Amino acid sequence: MAAVKSLHYVVNVHAKALSGRVAGPVALVIKDITGPSLAHVAAGVEQEAASLGRLSLVCATHDDSARENDLVQLMREQHAAAVVLVGSAAPDESYQRRMSEYARALDAAGSRLVLVGRPAPAPGLPVTVVDYDNRGGAFQATSHLLASGHRSVLFLGGEVGLNSPDERRAGYLDALRAHGVALRAEALDTQGPYTRVSGYARTRDALRNGVEFTAVFAASDMVALGALAALREAGRSVPDDVSVVGFDDVPFATDLTPALTTIRVPYEELGRTAVRLALTRRDAMSDDDRVVLGTQLIIRKSVRRLAWQ
C-alpha cells in the first residue's frame, strides 16, 4: 500500500471493463451543448446515471453525421453502458441505415443505443426509443389560441423534413381542422430554424408584407423570443394586439414580459427515462422499449381572449 501511495497508482479502468468488473459510463451525444432544451436532457441523464452509480460523458456532434459516427464508435471502444443520441433527424434511408449499424455494433459490445426525440428505427433492432408528444403539444397550443377567439394564427415552425418540426406542424394543422378553421393564407404557415433570429425575421416579414394575424404559435420558445422582439419593434403589444404561444417551457419563459404561455416538454424526465430504460432493458426492441412522454399546456399571460370572429 505504501508503494501504491508513493507511485500514485490507479486502477486500469479499461482492463476492468474488459473483465466485466466495472460499470461502464453513459454517453450522451447531442448536436449542441448550449441549447437550453438539450441542457435539461443532459441534466436528466447525469442525475439518473449518478443515482445508478454511473459516470456520464457528454459529446457534441455540431450536426455533423460523420462526427456522430466517430463518437458512437469511440463510446463503443470505451465500453459505454449506453449511448444516448438526442435531437431531431430526417428519417431518410441514410438515417435508418446508420441507426441500424449503431444499434447492432453497440449491442455486440454489450452496450445499448437509446434514441431521444429521434425517429424510431426499423422494428426488431436492439434499441430503446424515448420520445414526447410533439403533435399533441402543438394541437394543445393551437387549440388554446382558437378557443380564445383567434382565427388567423401565424405558425413559426421548424425546418421541414425533421421529425419533431414536422410533427409540430401536423399538430397545428390538426387543430385548425378540428375547430373548423381554414388556413386563411399560405403566408401564415412558415418554416425555419429554431432560433431567435429566425423567429424575429419571420414575424417582421409577416408584418411588413401585410399578413393579417392576431396570434402567433412559435414552435419553440427561442423562436417565440424573436417573435416578441419583432412585435415590440413594430409597436404591437402582447397580448393586447397579438397573442403568442411557445413550445418547450425553457426557464426564461416565466421571465419574459408578459410571461409566455407555452407547451412544457419534460426534458429532464426524457434524460432520466432514457438512462433507466437503457440500463434495465437488454433485449431486442419490444413495446417496453419505446416510451412517449406527454406534454402540457402552461397558461401564463401572453394570450388574450377575443370575441369570436
C-alpha atoms as a PDB file:
ATOM      1  CA  MET A   1       0.000   0.000   0.000  1.00  0.00           C
ATOM      2  CA  ALA A   2       2.957   2.314   0.638  1.00  0.00           C
ATOM      3  CA  ALA A   3       4.167   1.625  -2.902  1.00  0.00           C
ATOM      4  CA  VAL A   4       0.671   2.241  -4.288  1.00  0.00           C
ATOM      5  CA  LYS A   5       0.543   5.586  -2.497  1.00  0.00           C
ATOM      6  CA  SER A   6       4.064   6.707  -3.367  1.00  0.00           C
ATOM      7  CA  LEU A   7       3.703   5.788  -7.058  1.00  0.00           C
ATOM      8  CA  HIS A   8       0.194   7.312  -7.332  1.00  0.00           C
ATOM      9  CA  TYR A   9      -1.044   4.038  -8.783  1.00  0.00           C
ATOM     10  CA  VAL A  10      -4.566   3.953 -10.228  1.00  0.00           C
ATOM     11  CA  VAL A  11      -6.570   1.009 -11.457  1.00  0.00           C
ATOM     12  CA  ASN A  12      -6.660   0.438 -15.223  1.00  0.00           C
ATOM     13  CA  VAL A  13     -10.349   1.038 -15.847  1.00  0.00           C
ATOM     14  CA  HIS A  14     -10.209  -0.317 -19.391  1.00  0.00           C
ATOM     15  CA  ALA A  15      -8.776  -3.610 -18.159  1.00  0.00           C
ATOM     16  CA  LYS A  16     -11.501  -3.858 -15.538  1.00  0.00           C
ATOM     17  CA  ALA A  17     -14.125  -3.066 -18.188  1.00  0.00           C
ATOM     18  CA  LEU A  18     -12.826  -5.871 -20.369  1.00  0.00           C
ATOM     19  CA  SER A  19     -13.149  -8.254 -17.434  1.00  0.00           C
ATOM     20  CA  GLY A  20     -16.683  -7.063 -16.781  1.00  0.00           C
ATOM     21  CA  ARG A  21     -15.827  -5.847 -13.265  1.00  0.00           C
ATOM     22  CA  VAL A  22     -16.616  -2.161 -13.753  1.00  0.00           C
ATOM     23  CA  ALA A  23     -19.846  -0.370 -14.718  1.00  0.00           C
ATOM     24  CA  GLY A  24     -19.405   1.490 -18.000  1.00  0.00           C
ATOM     25  CA  PRO A  25     -20.352   5.158 -18.350  1.00  0.00           C
ATOM     26  CA  VAL A  26     -23.444   6.553 -20.015  1.00  0.00           C
ATOM     27  CA  ALA A  27     -22.586   8.601 -23.106  1.00  0.00           C
ATOM     28  CA  LEU A  28     -24.820  11.458 -24.237  1.00  0.00           C
ATOM     29  CA  VAL A  29     -24.353  12.524 -27.868  1.00  0.00           C
ATOM     30  CA  ILE A  30     -26.131  15.768 -28.800  1.00  0.00           C
ATOM     31  CA  LYS A  31     -25.917  18.355 -31.564  1.00  0.00           C
ATOM     32  CA  ASP A  32     -25.166  21.334 -29.349  1.00  0.00           C
ATOM     33  CA  ILE A  33     -24.446  21.572 -25.634  1.00  0.00           C
ATOM     34  CA  THR A  34     -25.521  25.225 -25.385  1.00  0.00           C
ATOM     35  CA  GLY A  35     -29.248  24.883 -26.172  1.00  0.00           C
ATOM     36  CA  PRO A  36     -31.492  25.179 -23.102  1.00  0.00           C
ATOM     37  CA  SER A  37     -33.667  22.199 -24.046  1.00  0.00           C
ATOM     38  CA  LEU A  38     -30.758  19.838 -24.664  1.00  0.00           C
ATOM     39  CA  ALA A  39     -29.052  21.048 -21.495  1.00  0.00           C
ATOM     40  CA  HIS A  40     -32.046  19.845 -19.496  1.00  0.00           C
ATOM     41  CA  VAL A  41     -31.937  16.438 -21.183  1.00  0.00           C
ATOM     42  CA  ALA A  42     -28.259  16.268 -20.243  1.00  0.00           C
ATOM     43  CA  ALA A  43     -29.127  17.129 -16.641  1.00  0.00           C
ATOM     44  CA  GLY A  44     -31.639  14.289 -16.528  1.00  0.00           C
ATOM     45  CA  VAL A  45     -29.117  11.842 -17.974  1.00  0.00           C
ATOM     46  CA  GLU A  46     -26.458  12.866 -15.450  1.00  0.00           C
ATOM     47  CA  GLN A  47     -28.830  12.696 -12.487  1.00  0.00           C
ATOM     48  CA  GLU A  48     -30.154   9.239 -13.325  1.00  0.00           C
ATOM     49  CA  ALA A  49     -26.723   7.877 -14.209  1.00  0.00           C
ATOM     50  CA  ALA A  50     -25.304   9.187 -10.925  1.00  0.00           C
ATOM     51  CA  SER A  51     -28.139   7.600  -8.955  1.00  0.00           C
ATOM     52  CA  LEU A  52     -27.200   4.276 -10.546  1.00  0.00           C
ATOM     53  CA  GLY A  53     -23.505   4.706  -9.819  1.00  0.00           C
ATOM     54  CA  ARG A  54     -22.509   5.553 -13.391  1.00  0.00           C
ATOM     55  CA  LEU A  55     -20.433   8.361 -14.828  1.00  0.00           C
ATOM     56  CA  SER A  56     -21.760  10.471 -17.691  1.00  0.00           C
ATOM     57  CA  LEU A  57     -19.934  11.614 -20.792  1.00  0.00           C
ATOM     58  CA  VAL A  58     -21.288  14.456 -22.950  1.00  0.00           C
ATOM     59  CA  CYS A  59     -20.262  14.811 -26.602  1.00  0.00           C
ATOM     60  CA  ALA A  60     -21.382  17.334 -29.246  1.00  0.00           C
ATOM     61  CA  THR A  61     -21.716  16.500 -32.949  1.00  0.00           C
ATOM     62  CA  HIS A  62     -22.367  20.071 -34.214  1.00  0.00           C
ATOM     63  CA  ASP A  63     -24.921  18.449 -36.543  1.00  0.00           C
ATOM     64  CA  ASP A  64     -22.177  16.505 -38.375  1.00  0.00           C
ATOM     65  CA  SER A  65     -23.174  12.892 -39.127  1.00  0.00           C
ATOM     66  CA  ALA A  66     -19.531  11.861 -39.674  1.00  0.00           C
ATOM     67  CA  ARG A  67     -18.612  13.180 -36.233  1.00  0.00           C
ATOM     68  CA  GLU A  68     -21.629  11.408 -34.760  1.00  0.00           C
ATOM     69  CA  ASN A  69     -20.416   8.156 -36.294  1.00  0.00           C
ATOM     70  CA  ASP A  70     -16.922   8.670 -34.863  1.00  0.00           C
ATOM     71  CA  LEU A  71     -18.295   9.434 -31.405  1.00  0.00           C
ATOM     72  CA  VAL A  72     -20.513   6.353 -31.348  1.00  0.00           C
ATOM     73  CA  GLN A  73     -17.533   4.209 -32.350  1.00  0.00           C
ATOM     74  CA  LEU A  74     -15.393   5.871 -29.672  1.00  0.00           C
ATOM     75  CA  MET A  75     -18.023   5.238 -26.994  1.00  0.00           C
ATOM     76  CA  ARG A  76     -18.215   1.631 -28.096  1.00  0.00           C
ATOM     77  CA  GLU A  77     -14.438   1.330 -27.659  1.00  0.00           C
ATOM     78  CA  GLN A  78     -14.751   2.999 -24.238  1.00  0.00           C
ATOM     79  CA  HIS A  79     -17.248   0.289 -23.204  1.00  0.00           C
ATOM     80  CA  ALA A  80     -20.073   2.745 -22.553  1.00  0.00           C
ATOM     81  CA  ALA A  81     -23.062   1.016 -20.992  1.00  0.00           C
ATOM     82  CA  ALA A  82     -25.390   3.107 -23.139  1.00  0.00           C
ATOM     83  CA  VAL A  83     -25.100   5.681 -25.906  1.00  0.00           C
ATOM     84  CA  VAL A  84     -27.926   8.232 -25.898  1.00  0.00           C
ATOM     85  CA  LEU A  85     -28.492  10.177 -29.137  1.00  0.00           C
ATOM     86  CA  VAL A  86     -30.674  13.274 -28.729  1.00  0.00           C
ATOM     87  CA  GLY A  87     -32.287  15.638 -31.220  1.00  0.00           C
ATOM     88  CA  SER A  88     -34.399  15.765 -34.355  1.00  0.00           C
ATOM     89  CA  ALA A  89     -33.332  14.000 -37.521  1.00  0.00           C
ATOM     90  CA  ALA A  90     -34.621  13.401 -41.034  1.00  0.00           C
ATOM     91  CA  PRO A  91     -35.968   9.811 -41.137  1.00  0.00           C
ATOM     92  CA  ASP A  92     -34.462   9.052 -44.539  1.00  0.00           C
ATOM     93  CA  GLU A  93     -32.721   5.906 -45.767  1.00  0.00           C
ATOM     94  CA  SER A  94     -29.296   7.128 -44.661  1.00  0.00           C
ATOM     95  CA  TYR A  95     -30.557   7.734 -41.128  1.00  0.00           C
ATOM     96  CA  GLN A  96     -32.206   4.330 -40.906  1.00  0.00           C
ATOM     97  CA  ARG A  97     -29.044   2.633 -42.114  1.00  0.00           C
ATOM     98  CA  ARG A  98     -26.859   4.473 -39.592  1.00  0.00           C
ATOM     99  CA  MET A  99     -29.162   3.708 -36.666  1.00  0.00           C
ATOM    100  CA  SER A 100     -29.258   0.046 -37.622  1.00  0.00           C
ATOM    101  CA  GLU A 101     -25.456  -0.089 -37.741  1.00  0.00           C
ATOM    102  CA  TYR A 102     -25.125   1.738 -34.410  1.00  0.00           C
ATOM    103  CA  ALA A 103     -27.656  -0.486 -32.693  1.00  0.00           C
ATOM    104  CA  ARG A 104     -26.076  -3.755 -33.837  1.00  0.00           C
ATOM    105  CA  ALA A 105     -22.494  -2.637 -33.164  1.00  0.00           C
ATOM    106  CA  LEU A 106     -23.288  -1.376 -29.669  1.00  0.00           C
ATOM    107  CA  ASP A 107     -25.324  -4.452 -28.829  1.00  0.00           C
ATOM    108  CA  ALA A 108     -22.434  -6.698 -29.905  1.00  0.00           C
ATOM    109  CA  ALA A 109     -20.204  -4.768 -27.468  1.00  0.00           C
ATOM    110  CA  GLY A 110     -22.681  -5.157 -24.612  1.00  0.00           C
ATOM    111  CA  SER A 111     -23.926  -1.574 -24.862  1.00  0.00           C
ATOM    112  CA  ARG A 112     -27.297  -0.079 -25.693  1.00  0.00           C
ATOM    113  CA  LEU A 113     -28.398   2.545 -28.216  1.00  0.00           C
ATOM    114  CA  VAL A 114     -31.032   4.996 -26.975  1.00  0.00           C
ATOM    115  CA  LEU A 115     -32.780   7.492 -29.265  1.00  0.00           C
ATOM    116  CA  VAL A 116     -34.366  10.520 -27.580  1.00  0.00           C
ATOM    117  CA  GLY A 117     -36.674  12.712 -29.662  1.00  0.00           C
ATOM    118  CA  ARG A 118     -35.493  10.925 -32.790  1.00  0.00           C
ATOM    119  CA  PRO A 119     -37.344   8.862 -35.409  1.00  0.00           C
ATOM    120  CA  ALA A 120     -37.804   5.243 -34.409  1.00  0.00           C
ATOM    121  CA  PRO A 121     -35.711   2.795 -36.473  1.00  0.00           C
ATOM    122  CA  ALA A 122     -36.928  -0.381 -38.123  1.00  0.00           C
ATOM    123  CA  PRO A 123     -38.568  -2.861 -35.713  1.00  0.00           C
ATOM    124  CA  GLY A 124     -36.584  -5.714 -34.223  1.00  0.00           C
ATOM    125  CA  LEU A 125     -33.398  -3.772 -33.523  1.00  0.00           C
ATOM    126  CA  PRO A 126     -31.738  -3.677 -30.086  1.00  0.00           C
ATOM    127  CA  VAL A 127     -32.575  -0.037 -29.416  1.00  0.00           C
ATOM    128  CA  THR A 128     -34.576   1.975 -26.885  1.00  0.00           C
ATOM    129  CA  VAL A 129     -36.680   4.925 -28.068  1.00  0.00           C
ATOM    130  CA  VAL A 130     -37.802   7.719 -25.723  1.00  0.00           C
ATOM    131  CA  ASP A 131     -39.967  10.400 -27.314  1.00  0.00           C
ATOM    132  CA  TYR A 132     -42.509  13.052 -26.362  1.00  0.00           C
ATOM    133  CA  ASP A 133     -45.822  14.098 -27.861  1.00  0.00           C
ATOM    134  CA  ASN A 134     -44.858  16.855 -30.300  1.00  0.00           C
ATOM    135  CA  ARG A 135     -48.046  16.583 -32.320  1.00  0.00           C
ATOM    136  CA  GLY A 136     -50.332  16.565 -29.289  1.00  0.00           C
ATOM    137  CA  GLY A 137     -48.499  19.514 -27.758  1.00  0.00           C
ATOM    138  CA  ALA A 138     -48.845  21.583 -30.918  1.00  0.00           C
ATOM    139  CA  PHE A 139     -52.521  20.645 -31.066  1.00  0.00           C
ATOM    140  CA  GLN A 140     -52.964  21.923 -27.482  1.00  0.00           C
ATOM    141  CA  ALA A 141     -51.155  25.184 -28.214  1.00  0.00           C
ATOM    142  CA  THR A 142     -53.120  25.956 -31.372  1.00  0.00           C
ATOM    143  CA  SER A 143     -56.419  24.866 -29.827  1.00  0.00           C
ATOM    144  CA  HIS A 144     -55.841  27.222 -26.907  1.00  0.00           C
ATOM    145  CA  LEU A 145     -55.490  30.143 -29.326  1.00  0.00           C
ATOM    146  CA  LEU A 146     -58.509  29.070 -31.371  1.00  0.00           C
ATOM    147  CA  ALA A 147     -60.612  28.605 -28.218  1.00  0.00           C
ATOM    148  CA  SER A 148     -59.581  32.139 -27.245  1.00  0.00           C
ATOM    149  CA  GLY A 149     -61.226  33.502 -30.384  1.00  0.00           C
ATOM    150  CA  HIS A 150     -58.225  33.750 -32.714  1.00  0.00           C
ATOM    151  CA  ARG A 151     -58.783  32.688 -36.309  1.00  0.00           C
ATOM    152  CA  SER A 152     -55.598  33.890 -38.017  1.00  0.00           C
ATOM    153  CA  VAL A 153     -52.660  32.190 -36.294  1.00  0.00           C
ATOM    154  CA  LEU A 154     -49.168  32.751 -37.654  1.00  0.00           C
ATOM    155  CA  PHE A 155     -47.254  29.484 -37.318  1.00  0.00           C
ATOM    156  CA  LEU A 156     -43.490  29.781 -36.879  1.00  0.00           C
ATOM    157  CA  GLY A 157     -42.483  26.174 -37.453  1.00  0.00           C
ATOM    158  CA  GLY A 158     -39.159  24.371 -37.619  1.00  0.00           C
ATOM    159  CA  GLU A 159     -37.129  23.037 -40.518  1.00  0.00           C
ATOM    160  CA  VAL A 160     -39.012  20.864 -42.992  1.00  0.00           C
ATOM    161  CA  GLY A 161     -38.078  17.179 -43.076  1.00  0.00           C
ATOM    162  CA  LEU A 162     -37.005  16.814 -39.444  1.00  0.00           C
ATOM    163  CA  ASN A 163     -39.227  14.618 -37.303  1.00  0.00           C
ATOM    164  CA  SER A 164     -40.062  16.969 -34.410  1.00  0.00           C
ATOM    165  CA  PRO A 165     -40.787  20.092 -36.517  1.00  0.00           C
ATOM    166  CA  ASP A 166     -42.905  18.048 -38.930  1.00  0.00           C
ATOM    167  CA  GLU A 167     -44.928  16.623 -36.024  1.00  0.00           C
ATOM    168  CA  ARG A 168     -45.485  20.083 -34.526  1.00  0.00           C
ATOM    169  CA  ARG A 169     -46.708  21.418 -37.866  1.00  0.00           C
ATOM    170  CA  ALA A 170     -49.063  18.429 -38.158  1.00  0.00           C
ATOM    171  CA  GLY A 171     -50.485  19.269 -34.720  1.00  0.00           C
ATOM    172  CA  TYR A 172     -51.049  22.884 -35.783  1.00  0.00           C
ATOM    173  CA  LEU A 173     -52.951  21.765 -38.896  1.00  0.00           C
ATOM    174  CA  ASP A 174     -54.878  19.121 -36.886  1.00  0.00           C
ATOM    175  CA  ALA A 175     -56.156  21.833 -34.548  1.00  0.00           C
ATOM    176  CA  LEU A 176     -57.281  24.080 -37.400  1.00  0.00           C
ATOM    177  CA  ARG A 177     -59.259  21.192 -38.894  1.00  0.00           C
ATOM    178  CA  ALA A 178     -60.695  20.132 -35.536  1.00  0.00           C
ATOM    179  CA  HIS A 179     -62.010  23.652 -34.933  1.00  0.00           C
ATOM    180  CA  GLY A 180     -63.299  24.053 -38.483  1.00  0.00           C
ATOM    181  CA  VAL A 181     -60.877  26.873 -39.249  1.00  0.00           C
ATOM    182  CA  ALA A 182     -59.348  27.154 -42.705  1.00  0.00           C
ATOM    183  CA  LEU A 183     -55.736  28.231 -43.163  1.00  0.00           C
ATOM    184  CA  ARG A 184     -56.525  31.760 -44.318  1.00  0.00           C
ATOM    185  CA  ALA A 185     -53.243  32.341 -46.139  1.00  0.00           C
ATOM    186  CA  GLU A 186     -50.224  30.241 -47.024  1.00  0.00           C
ATOM    187  CA  ALA A 187     -48.084  33.012 -45.555  1.00  0.00           C
ATOM    188  CA  LEU A 188     -49.373  32.029 -42.108  1.00  0.00           C
ATOM    189  CA  ASP A 189     -47.571  28.671 -42.322  1.00  0.00           C
ATOM    190  CA  THR A 190     -43.810  29.307 -42.131  1.00  0.00           C
ATOM    191  CA  GLN A 191     -40.761  27.106 -41.519  1.00  0.00           C
ATOM    192  CA  GLY A 192     -37.207  27.850 -40.415  1.00  0.00           C
ATOM    193  CA  PRO A 193     -34.568  27.146 -37.761  1.00  0.00           C
ATOM    194  CA  TYR A 194     -35.456  27.096 -34.075  1.00  0.00           C
ATOM    195  CA  THR A 195     -33.551  30.305 -33.363  1.00  0.00           C
ATOM    196  CA  ARG A 196     -34.360  33.744 -32.029  1.00  0.00           C
ATOM    197  CA  VAL A 197     -33.092  35.324 -35.266  1.00  0.00           C
ATOM    198  CA  SER A 198     -35.421  33.179 -37.349  1.00  0.00           C
ATOM    199  CA  GLY A 199     -38.440  33.973 -35.181  1.00  0.00           C
ATOM    200  CA  TYR A 200     -37.668  37.676 -35.372  1.00  0.00           C
ATOM    201  CA  ALA A 201     -37.144  37.688 -39.154  1.00  0.00           C
ATOM    202  CA  ARG A 202     -40.269  35.685 -39.993  1.00  0.00           C
ATOM    203  CA  THR A 203     -42.512  37.764 -37.738  1.00  0.00           C
ATOM    204  CA  ARG A 204     -41.011  41.019 -39.051  1.00  0.00           C
ATOM    205  CA  ASP A 205     -41.516  39.881 -42.651  1.00  0.00           C
ATOM    206  CA  ALA A 206     -45.121  38.866 -41.992  1.00  0.00           C
ATOM    207  CA  LEU A 207     -45.834  42.304 -40.541  1.00  0.00           C
ATOM    208  CA  ARG A 208     -44.082  44.125 -43.387  1.00  0.00           C
ATOM    209  CA  ASN A 209     -45.902  42.063 -46.027  1.00  0.00           C
ATOM    210  CA  GLY A 210     -49.295  42.825 -44.559  1.00  0.00           C
ATOM    211  CA  VAL A 211     -50.076  39.286 -43.425  1.00  0.00           C
ATOM    212  CA  GLU A 212     -53.086  39.517 -41.123  1.00  0.00           C
ATOM    213  CA  PHE A 213     -52.854  37.598 -37.837  1.00  0.00           C
ATOM    214  CA  THR A 214     -53.977  38.099 -34.260  1.00  0.00           C
ATOM    215  CA  ALA A 215     -51.863  35.321 -32.740  1.00  0.00           C
ATOM    216  CA  VAL A 216     -48.519  33.585 -33.143  1.00  0.00           C
ATOM    217  CA  PHE A 217     -47.760  29.952 -32.382  1.00  0.00           C
ATOM    218  CA  ALA A 218     -43.981  29.639 -32.228  1.00  0.00           C
ATOM    219  CA  ALA A 219     -42.832  26.021 -32.360  1.00  0.00           C
ATOM    220  CA  SER A 220     -40.032  26.736 -29.870  1.00  0.00           C
ATOM    221  CA  ASP A 221     -39.578  29.262 -27.083  1.00  0.00           C
ATOM    222  CA  MET A 222     -36.418  30.597 -28.736  1.00  0.00           C
ATOM    223  CA  VAL A 223     -38.458  31.361 -31.848  1.00  0.00           C
ATOM    224  CA  ALA A 224     -41.125  32.966 -29.644  1.00  0.00           C
ATOM    225  CA  LEU A 225     -38.446  35.203 -28.135  1.00  0.00           C
ATOM    226  CA  GLY A 226     -37.622  36.518 -31.612  1.00  0.00           C
ATOM    227  CA  ALA A 227     -41.298  36.972 -32.442  1.00  0.00           C
ATOM    228  CA  LEU A 228     -41.821  39.036 -29.290  1.00  0.00           C
ATOM    229  CA  ALA A 229     -38.906  41.285 -30.265  1.00  0.00           C
ATOM    230  CA  ALA A 230     -40.306  41.852 -33.756  1.00  0.00           C
ATOM    231  CA  LEU A 231     -43.778  42.617 -32.413  1.00  0.00           C
ATOM    232  CA  ARG A 232     -42.385  45.043 -29.842  1.00  0.00           C
ATOM    233  CA  GLU A 233     -40.292  46.762 -32.532  1.00  0.00           C
ATOM    234  CA  ALA A 234     -43.415  47.166 -34.685  1.00  0.00           C
ATOM    235  CA  GLY A 235     -45.349  48.722 -31.800  1.00  0.00           C
ATOM    236  CA  ARG A 236     -47.591  45.685 -31.324  1.00  0.00           C
ATOM    237  CA  SER A 237     -48.473  44.918 -27.709  1.00  0.00           C
ATOM    238  CA  VAL A 238     -48.584  41.338 -26.410  1.00  0.00           C
ATOM    239  CA  PRO A 239     -51.196  40.175 -25.665  1.00  0.00           C
ATOM    240  CA  ASP A 240     -53.384  43.257 -26.310  1.00  0.00           C
ATOM    241  CA  ASP A 241     -52.667  43.356 -30.059  1.00  0.00           C
ATOM    242  CA  VAL A 242     -51.176  39.906 -30.728  1.00  0.00           C
ATOM    243  CA  SER A 243     -51.204  36.761 -28.592  1.00  0.00           C
ATOM    244  CA  VAL A 244     -48.165  34.463 -28.522  1.00  0.00           C
ATOM    245  CA  VAL A 245     -47.720  30.815 -27.524  1.00  0.00           C
ATOM    246  CA  GLY A 246     -44.389  28.984 -27.479  1.00  0.00           C
ATOM    247  CA  PHE A 247     -43.218  25.413 -27.143  1.00  0.00           C
ATOM    248  CA  ASP A 248     -40.643  23.878 -24.711  1.00  0.00           C
ATOM    249  CA  ASP A 249     -41.136  25.883 -21.485  1.00  0.00           C
ATOM    250  CA  VAL A 250     -37.474  26.744 -21.075  1.00  0.00           C
ATOM    251  CA  PRO A 251     -36.579  28.641 -17.858  1.00  0.00           C
ATOM    252  CA  PHE A 252     -36.664  32.147 -19.366  1.00  0.00           C
ATOM    253  CA  ALA A 253     -40.321  31.709 -20.432  1.00  0.00           C
ATOM    254  CA  THR A 254     -41.504  32.846 -16.994  1.00  0.00           C
ATOM    255  CA  ASP A 255     -39.181  35.875 -17.014  1.00  0.00           C
ATOM    256  CA  LEU A 256     -40.467  37.388 -20.262  1.00  0.00           C
ATOM    257  CA  THR A 257     -42.859  40.342 -20.301  1.00  0.00           C
ATOM    258  CA  PRO A 258     -45.513  39.115 -20.475  1.00  0.00           C
ATOM    259  CA  ALA A 259     -44.791  35.631 -19.097  1.00  0.00           C
ATOM    260  CA  LEU A 260     -45.044  33.208 -22.019  1.00  0.00           C
ATOM    261  CA  THR A 261     -47.852  30.707 -22.420  1.00  0.00           C
ATOM    262  CA  THR A 262     -46.163  27.610 -23.784  1.00  0.00           C
ATOM    263  CA  ILE A 263     -46.039  23.829 -24.033  1.00  0.00           C
ATOM    264  CA  ARG A 264     -43.996  22.143 -21.327  1.00  0.00           C
ATOM    265  CA  VAL A 265     -41.758  19.322 -22.518  1.00  0.00           C
ATOM    266  CA  PRO A 266     -40.380  17.117 -19.707  1.00  0.00           C
ATOM    267  CA  TYR A 267     -36.793  17.339 -20.922  1.00  0.00           C
ATOM    268  CA  GLU A 268     -35.121  16.200 -17.699  1.00  0.00           C
ATOM    269  CA  GLU A 269     -37.509  13.262 -17.446  1.00  0.00           C
ATOM    270  CA  LEU A 270     -36.612  12.320 -21.028  1.00  0.00           C
ATOM    271  CA  GLY A 271     -32.980  12.046 -19.942  1.00  0.00           C
ATOM    272  CA  ARG A 272     -33.775  10.103 -16.786  1.00  0.00           C
ATOM    273  CA  THR A 273     -36.085   7.715 -18.619  1.00  0.00           C
ATOM    274  CA  ALA A 274     -33.504   7.117 -21.343  1.00  0.00           C
ATOM    275  CA  VAL A 275     -30.866   6.026 -18.821  1.00  0.00           C
ATOM    276  CA  ARG A 276     -33.260   3.999 -16.694  1.00  0.00           C
ATOM    277  CA  LEU A 277     -34.595   2.015 -19.652  1.00  0.00           C
ATOM    278  CA  ALA A 278     -31.161   1.542 -21.240  1.00  0.00           C
ATOM    279  CA  LEU A 279     -29.679   0.026 -18.125  1.00  0.00           C
ATOM    280  CA  THR A 280     -32.610  -2.281 -17.393  1.00  0.00           C
ATOM    281  CA  ARG A 281     -33.712  -3.447 -20.865  1.00  0.00           C
ATOM    282  CA  ARG A 282     -31.215  -5.653 -22.644  1.00  0.00           C
ATOM    283  CA  ASP A 283     -33.328  -7.466 -25.256  1.00  0.00           C
ATOM    284  CA  ALA A 284     -34.360  -6.580 -28.791  1.00  0.00           C
ATOM    285  CA  MET A 285     -36.877  -3.799 -29.173  1.00  0.00           C
ATOM    286  CA  SER A 286     -40.260  -4.514 -27.586  1.00  0.00           C
ATOM    287  CA  ASP A 287     -43.253  -2.401 -26.575  1.00  0.00           C
ATOM    288  CA  ASP A 288     -41.498  -1.583 -23.294  1.00  0.00           C
ATOM    289  CA  ASP A 289     -38.536  -0.177 -25.204  1.00  0.00           C
ATOM    290  CA  ARG A 290     -40.486   2.649 -26.766  1.00  0.00           C
ATOM    291  CA  VAL A 291     -41.878   5.304 -24.452  1.00  0.00           C
ATOM    292  CA  VAL A 292     -43.722   8.503 -25.365  1.00  0.00           C
ATOM    293  CA  LEU A 293     -43.951  11.125 -22.616  1.00  0.00           C
ATOM    294  CA  GLY A 294     -46.784  13.643 -22.515  1.00  0.00           C
ATOM    295  CA  THR A 295     -46.597  17.414 -22.971  1.00  0.00           C
ATOM    296  CA  GLN A 296     -48.566  20.042 -21.054  1.00  0.00           C
ATOM    297  CA  LEU A 297     -50.040  23.437 -21.880  1.00  0.00           C
ATOM    298  CA  ILE A 298     -48.790  26.032 -19.380  1.00  0.00           C
ATOM    299  CA  ILE A 299     -51.074  29.079 -19.405  1.00  0.00           C
ATOM    300  CA  ARG A 300     -49.458  32.364 -18.399  1.00  0.00           C
ATOM    301  CA  LYS A 301     -50.008  35.946 -19.605  1.00  0.00           C
ATOM    302  CA  SER A 302     -49.282  36.095 -23.341  1.00  0.00           C
ATOM    303  CA  VAL A 303     -52.729  35.161 -24.710  1.00  0.00           C
ATOM    304  CA  ARG A 304     -55.751  37.424 -24.840  1.00  0.00           C
ATOM    305  CA  ARG A 305     -59.285  36.145 -25.341  1.00  0.00           C
ATOM    306  CA  LEU A 306     -61.076  37.713 -28.325  1.00  0.00           C
ATOM    307  CA  ALA A 307     -64.672  37.782 -29.438  1.00  0.00           C
ATOM    308  CA  TRP A 308     -65.420  35.040 -31.966  1.00  0.00           C
ATOM    309  CA  GLN A 309     -64.572  36.117 -35.485  1.00  0.00           C
END
